[in-house]
N, C-alpha and C. Protein backbone atom coordinates (compact mmCIF):
# COMPACT_ATOMS: atom_id res chain seq x y z
N UNK A 1 110.41 109.44 157.26
CA UNK A 1 111.28 109.16 156.60
C UNK A 1 112.74 109.97 156.64
N UNK A 2 113.91 109.22 155.93
CA UNK A 2 115.07 110.16 156.15
C UNK A 2 115.49 109.94 154.82
N UNK A 3 116.31 110.92 154.35
CA UNK A 3 117.04 110.88 153.03
C UNK A 3 117.81 109.58 153.42
N UNK A 4 118.47 109.24 152.13
CA UNK A 4 119.32 108.01 152.43
C UNK A 4 119.13 107.09 150.67
N UNK A 5 119.73 106.04 151.28
CA UNK A 5 119.72 104.73 150.11
C UNK A 5 118.75 103.97 150.42
N UNK A 6 118.24 103.37 149.24
CA UNK A 6 117.14 102.40 149.51
C UNK A 6 116.75 101.32 148.08
N UNK A 7 116.64 100.40 148.46
CA UNK A 7 116.02 99.15 147.26
C UNK A 7 114.61 99.29 147.61
N UNK A 8 114.05 99.87 146.77
CA UNK A 8 112.24 99.77 146.73
C UNK A 8 111.96 98.42 146.14
N UNK A 9 110.91 98.04 147.35
CA UNK A 9 110.43 96.52 146.49
C UNK A 9 109.02 96.45 146.52
N UNK A 10 109.06 96.07 145.14
CA UNK A 10 107.03 95.85 145.07
C UNK A 10 106.61 94.40 146.20
N UNK A 11 106.12 94.81 147.06
CA UNK A 11 105.57 94.07 148.52
C UNK A 11 105.00 92.71 147.64
N UNK A 12 103.96 92.90 146.92
CA UNK A 12 103.76 91.66 146.51
C UNK A 12 104.20 90.39 145.82
N UNK A 13 105.01 91.04 145.12
CA UNK A 13 105.89 89.54 144.02
C UNK A 13 107.40 89.75 145.05
N UNK A 14 107.53 91.02 145.92
CA UNK A 14 108.96 90.78 146.19
C UNK A 14 110.07 91.00 145.37
N UNK A 15 109.58 91.75 144.25
CA UNK A 15 110.86 92.07 142.99
C UNK A 15 110.99 93.85 143.39
N UNK A 16 112.28 94.35 143.08
CA UNK A 16 112.65 95.59 143.36
C UNK A 16 112.71 96.48 141.82
N UNK A 17 112.10 97.78 142.01
CA UNK A 17 112.33 98.56 141.25
C UNK A 17 113.93 98.53 140.60
N UNK A 18 114.48 98.45 139.48
CA UNK A 18 115.59 98.31 138.57
C UNK A 18 115.66 99.00 137.52
N UNK A 19 116.58 100.14 137.44
CA UNK A 19 117.02 100.97 136.63
C UNK A 19 117.96 100.19 135.33
N UNK A 20 117.53 100.15 134.37
CA UNK A 20 118.26 99.85 132.90
C UNK A 20 118.91 101.04 132.26
N UNK A 21 119.60 100.19 131.42
CA UNK A 21 120.61 101.04 130.36
C UNK A 21 119.87 102.14 129.53
N UNK A 22 118.98 101.62 129.25
CA UNK A 22 117.74 102.40 128.09
C UNK A 22 117.08 103.77 129.25
N UNK A 23 116.94 103.40 130.25
CA UNK A 23 116.80 105.01 131.01
C UNK A 23 115.19 104.44 131.71
N UNK A 24 114.87 102.95 131.22
CA UNK A 24 113.79 102.76 131.80
C UNK A 24 113.45 102.00 133.47
N UNK A 25 112.85 102.12 134.20
CA UNK A 25 112.74 101.12 135.25
C UNK A 25 111.90 100.32 134.90
N UNK A 26 112.01 99.33 135.63
CA UNK A 26 111.70 97.60 135.76
C UNK A 26 111.26 97.40 137.38
N UNK A 27 110.44 96.17 137.17
CA UNK A 27 110.10 95.99 138.90
C UNK A 27 110.73 94.19 137.99
N UNK A 28 111.48 93.82 138.72
CA UNK A 28 112.26 92.73 138.59
C UNK A 28 113.11 92.30 139.59
N UNK A 29 114.40 91.01 139.15
CA UNK A 29 115.67 91.24 139.72
C UNK A 29 116.57 91.54 139.25
N UNK A 30 117.67 91.68 139.77
CA UNK A 30 119.06 92.17 139.41
C UNK A 30 120.29 91.50 139.97
N UNK A 31 121.01 91.73 139.36
CA UNK A 31 122.51 90.58 139.93
C UNK A 31 123.18 91.39 140.25
N UNK A 32 123.02 92.61 139.47
CA UNK A 32 123.87 93.87 140.02
C UNK A 32 123.23 94.78 141.01
N UNK A 33 123.66 94.86 142.46
CA UNK A 33 123.32 95.94 143.30
C UNK A 33 123.22 96.72 142.54
N UNK A 34 123.85 97.60 142.14
CA UNK A 34 123.49 98.91 141.95
C UNK A 34 122.52 99.54 141.66
N UNK A 35 122.14 98.87 140.27
CA UNK A 35 121.02 98.95 139.30
C UNK A 35 120.20 99.25 140.04
N UNK A 36 119.82 98.48 141.35
CA UNK A 36 118.65 98.86 142.62
C UNK A 36 118.46 99.80 143.30
N UNK A 37 120.04 100.18 143.39
CA UNK A 37 119.96 101.44 144.50
C UNK A 37 119.41 102.95 144.43
N UNK A 38 118.43 103.48 145.30
CA UNK A 38 117.73 104.59 144.51
C UNK A 38 118.07 105.32 145.72
N UNK A 39 118.15 106.93 145.62
CA UNK A 39 118.27 107.54 146.96
C UNK A 39 117.18 108.51 146.83
N UNK A 40 116.60 108.73 148.38
CA UNK A 40 115.44 109.47 148.90
C UNK A 40 115.78 110.58 149.00
N UNK A 41 115.51 112.02 148.70
CA UNK A 41 115.87 112.94 148.78
C UNK A 41 114.50 113.85 149.90
N UNK A 42 114.18 114.69 150.60
CA UNK A 42 113.38 115.16 150.83
C UNK A 42 113.40 116.47 150.28
N UNK A 43 112.42 116.78 150.09
CA UNK A 43 112.54 118.16 148.83
C UNK A 43 111.72 119.17 149.50
N UNK A 44 110.46 119.05 150.12
CA UNK A 44 109.68 119.62 151.00
C UNK A 44 108.69 118.85 152.03
N UNK A 45 108.08 119.66 152.92
CA UNK A 45 107.32 118.71 153.74
C UNK A 45 106.60 117.62 153.12
N UNK A 46 106.60 116.46 153.37
CA UNK A 46 106.33 115.70 153.11
C UNK A 46 106.03 115.23 151.51
N UNK A 47 106.88 115.84 151.22
CA UNK A 47 107.80 115.32 149.34
C UNK A 47 109.05 114.87 149.27
N UNK A 48 108.96 113.75 148.69
CA UNK A 48 110.20 113.82 148.49
C UNK A 48 110.59 112.74 147.08
N UNK A 49 111.93 112.52 146.29
CA UNK A 49 112.28 112.06 145.16
C UNK A 49 113.18 111.17 145.36
N UNK A 50 112.86 110.24 144.30
CA UNK A 50 113.57 109.28 143.90
C UNK A 50 114.54 109.49 142.83
N UNK A 51 115.73 108.86 143.51
CA UNK A 51 117.30 109.20 142.61
C UNK A 51 118.05 108.22 142.08
N UNK A 52 118.16 108.06 141.20
CA UNK A 52 118.94 106.51 140.68
C UNK A 52 120.40 106.64 141.29
N UNK A 53 120.93 106.14 142.06
CA UNK A 53 122.17 106.32 142.57
C UNK A 53 123.37 106.72 141.47
N UNK A 54 123.50 105.45 140.72
CA UNK A 54 124.27 105.06 139.59
C UNK A 54 124.08 106.19 138.53
N UNK A 55 122.88 106.22 137.64
CA UNK A 55 122.83 107.35 136.75
C UNK A 55 122.91 108.85 137.43
N UNK A 56 122.41 108.60 138.67
CA UNK A 56 122.07 110.35 139.26
C UNK A 56 120.96 110.80 138.67
N UNK A 57 119.63 110.15 137.79
CA UNK A 57 118.63 110.75 137.35
C UNK A 57 117.43 110.40 138.23
N UNK A 58 116.54 111.59 137.77
CA UNK A 58 115.50 110.78 138.65
C UNK A 58 114.25 110.27 138.20
N UNK A 59 113.88 109.46 139.36
CA UNK A 59 112.61 108.86 138.34
C UNK A 59 111.15 109.72 138.08
N UNK A 60 110.80 109.29 136.96
CA UNK A 60 109.21 110.09 136.12
C UNK A 60 108.75 109.21 136.21
N UNK A 61 107.51 109.09 137.21
CA UNK A 61 106.47 107.87 136.45
C UNK A 61 105.41 107.88 135.50
N UNK A 62 105.53 109.50 135.19
CA UNK A 62 104.94 109.87 133.87
C UNK A 62 105.27 108.49 132.55
N UNK A 63 106.34 108.94 132.75
CA UNK A 63 107.40 108.49 131.29
C UNK A 63 107.88 106.66 131.54
N UNK A 64 107.81 106.32 132.80
CA UNK A 64 107.91 105.40 133.61
C UNK A 64 109.72 105.06 132.99
N UNK A 65 110.82 106.05 133.87
CA UNK A 65 111.83 106.13 132.91
C UNK A 65 112.93 106.86 133.94
N UNK A 66 114.09 106.99 133.45
CA UNK A 66 114.81 108.03 134.76
C UNK A 66 115.33 109.13 133.71
N UNK A 67 114.64 110.36 134.48
CA UNK A 67 114.48 111.40 133.31
C UNK A 67 115.86 112.80 134.60
N UNK A 68 116.23 113.55 134.02
CA UNK A 68 117.43 114.85 134.29
C UNK A 68 116.13 115.93 134.41
N UNK A 69 115.48 115.63 133.64
CA UNK A 69 114.65 117.14 133.67
C UNK A 69 112.70 116.92 134.57
N UNK A 70 112.42 115.79 135.01
CA UNK A 70 111.00 115.64 135.57
C UNK A 70 111.13 114.64 136.82
N UNK A 71 111.32 115.54 137.29
CA UNK A 71 111.62 114.87 138.98
C UNK A 71 109.91 114.48 139.54
N UNK A 72 110.08 113.59 140.21
CA UNK A 72 108.79 113.39 141.07
C UNK A 72 108.88 112.90 142.13
N UNK A 73 107.69 113.89 142.70
CA UNK A 73 107.52 114.18 144.28
C UNK A 73 106.29 113.11 144.55
N UNK A 74 107.11 112.64 145.71
CA UNK A 74 106.17 111.44 146.56
C UNK A 74 105.47 112.26 147.87
N UNK A 75 104.91 111.96 148.36
CA UNK A 75 103.95 112.10 149.65
C UNK A 75 104.07 110.93 150.61
N UNK A 76 105.02 111.47 151.81
CA UNK A 76 105.03 110.32 152.70
C UNK A 76 104.27 110.63 154.05
N UNK A 77 103.24 109.24 154.31
CA UNK A 77 102.75 109.28 155.13
C UNK A 77 103.17 109.09 156.93
N UNK A 78 104.53 108.76 156.66
CA UNK A 78 104.92 108.56 157.68
C UNK A 78 105.30 109.03 158.83
């Protein structure tokens, strides 16, 4: 998996991760392309961060929100 800009899609419902103004992240449809663009950043071996491109905040899975201080590291098996 390479660093870059991505839209993250729910495979079963074909909906995208959408960032909203209240710093929450939802699965749904967006008419504004920028709400659904996330940057994948390589942290270390097999660990990645999802950063919202417009707000520059990192997705925090525990709070289901975007946060500047609570990074989420993903384990990629690709």
